């Protein structure tokens, strides 16, 4: 039996040209996020694109309740996995009250 919170996912079928990560990482506790990001990167093929959309926050702000917003620093883990940031937006949406959002596009270089 797998340990609680253990992540053993693999990308299958082979990696994709485009991967969309929208809000999934926010429901994971911080200690599980890097492992999840590693698996997401596995799903992006050479010359592929990853688009990440999430709520954003800055320390020392209170992250509040789930879904927990992500720090830009946390998302830099994608770069340490071999992806390159292509574009980044940090903005407030039209909700009432406005919610801070991050939208970042990454690209995997040709191998």
Protein backbone atom coordinates (compact mmCIF):
# COMPACT_ATOMS: atom_id res chain seq x y z
CA UNK A 1 0.00 0.00 0.00
CA UNK A 2 1.34 3.44 -0.94
CA UNK A 3 2.10 5.92 1.80
CA UNK A 4 -0.36 8.72 2.28
CA UNK A 5 0.48 11.74 0.08
CA UNK A 6 3.04 9.76 -1.93
CA UNK A 7 3.16 10.82 -5.58
CA UNK A 8 4.15 8.14 -8.07
CA UNK A 9 2.52 9.49 -11.23
CA UNK A 10 4.13 9.20 -14.65
CA UNK A 11 3.13 10.85 -17.89
CA UNK A 12 1.50 8.37 -20.18
CA UNK A 13 1.13 8.47 -23.18
CA UNK A 14 4.42 10.09 -24.25
CA UNK A 15 4.89 13.82 -23.52
CA UNK A 16 2.58 16.42 -25.05
CA UNK A 17 3.15 19.55 -27.17
CA UNK A 18 0.97 21.59 -24.81
CA UNK A 19 0.29 21.09 -21.10
CA UNK A 20 -2.10 23.28 -19.09
CA UNK A 21 -1.69 23.43 -15.31
CA UNK A 22 -4.58 25.44 -13.94
CA UNK A 23 -5.27 25.53 -10.20
CA UNK A 24 -4.23 21.91 -9.48
CA UNK A 25 -1.02 22.80 -7.62
CA UNK A 26 -2.97 25.16 -5.34
CA UNK A 27 -4.80 22.31 -3.61
CA UNK A 28 -1.58 20.51 -2.74
CA UNK A 29 0.24 21.26 0.48
CA UNK A 30 3.56 23.03 -0.10
CA UNK A 31 5.64 19.91 0.67
CA UNK A 32 4.00 18.04 -2.25
CA UNK A 33 4.23 20.76 -4.88
CA UNK A 34 7.77 20.18 -6.16
CA UNK A 35 7.11 16.49 -6.78
CA UNK A 36 3.92 17.41 -8.64
CA UNK A 37 5.82 19.98 -10.70
CA UNK A 38 8.42 17.34 -11.60
CA UNK A 39 5.64 15.09 -12.94
CA UNK A 40 4.08 17.97 -14.87
CA UNK A 41 7.44 18.73 -16.52
CA UNK A 42 7.69 15.05 -17.53
CA UNK A 43 4.53 15.61 -19.60
CA UNK A 44 6.06 18.41 -21.72
CA UNK A 45 7.92 17.18 -24.80
CA UNK A 46 10.93 18.88 -26.40
CA UNK A 47 9.76 22.15 -27.98
CA UNK A 48 6.55 21.80 -25.92
CA UNK A 49 4.76 24.49 -23.93
CA UNK A 50 3.52 24.51 -20.35
CA UNK A 51 0.98 27.18 -19.37
CA UNK A 52 0.47 27.67 -15.63
CA UNK A 53 -2.45 29.69 -14.25
CA UNK A 54 -2.91 30.10 -10.51
CA UNK A 55 -3.70 32.44 -7.70
CA UNK A 56 -0.60 34.31 -6.58
CA UNK A 57 0.72 35.79 -3.35
CA UNK A 58 3.88 37.22 -1.81
CA UNK A 59 5.39 36.42 1.53
CA UNK A 60 4.77 37.63 4.23
CA UNK A 61 1.10 37.88 3.22
CA UNK A 62 -1.26 35.30 4.68
CA UNK A 63 -2.01 32.67 1.99
CA UNK A 64 -5.47 32.15 3.44
CA UNK A 65 -7.42 28.94 3.02
CA UNK A 66 -7.40 26.33 0.27
CA UNK A 67 -6.97 26.75 -2.59
CA UNK A 68 -3.62 28.13 -1.46
CA UNK A 69 -2.09 30.66 -3.84
CA UNK A 70 1.39 30.02 -5.20
CA UNK A 71 4.53 32.06 -4.75
CA UNK A 72 6.43 33.07 -7.89
CA UNK A 73 9.48 31.56 -6.19
CA UNK A 74 7.71 28.17 -6.03
CA UNK A 75 6.98 28.30 -9.74
CA UNK A 76 10.69 28.85 -10.51
CA UNK A 77 11.04 25.14 -9.82
CA UNK A 78 9.82 24.60 -13.39
CA UNK A 79 12.95 26.41 -14.59
CA UNK A 80 15.21 24.22 -12.44
CA UNK A 81 13.59 21.25 -14.23
CA UNK A 82 14.75 22.49 -17.62
CA UNK A 83 11.89 24.72 -18.77
CA UNK A 84 12.43 28.32 -19.85
CA UNK A 85 10.03 31.10 -18.90
CA UNK A 86 8.66 32.67 -22.09
CA UNK A 87 6.13 35.12 -20.64
CA UNK A 88 4.68 36.02 -17.28
CA UNK A 89 1.64 37.99 -16.14
CA UNK A 90 0.88 39.01 -12.56
CA UNK A 91 -2.54 40.66 -12.40
CA UNK A 92 -5.78 41.11 -10.47
CA UNK A 93 -8.94 39.62 -11.98
CA UNK A 94 -12.43 41.14 -12.09
CA UNK A 95 -13.82 39.18 -9.12
CA UNK A 96 -15.20 41.04 -6.12
CA UNK A 97 -12.95 41.40 -4.25
CA UNK A 98 -10.22 41.17 -6.89
CA UNK A 99 -8.00 38.08 -6.75
CA UNK A 100 -4.34 38.10 -7.70
CA UNK A 101 -3.50 35.69 -10.53
CA UNK A 102 -0.31 34.43 -12.13
CA UNK A 103 -0.18 33.28 -15.74
CA UNK A 104 3.22 31.96 -16.83
CA UNK A 105 4.21 30.29 -20.08
CA UNK A 106 7.20 27.95 -20.12
CA UNK A 107 8.91 26.22 -23.02
CA UNK A 108 11.09 23.13 -23.11
CA UNK A 109 14.08 23.54 -25.39
CA UNK A 110 14.82 21.06 -28.14
CA UNK A 111 16.91 18.20 -26.82
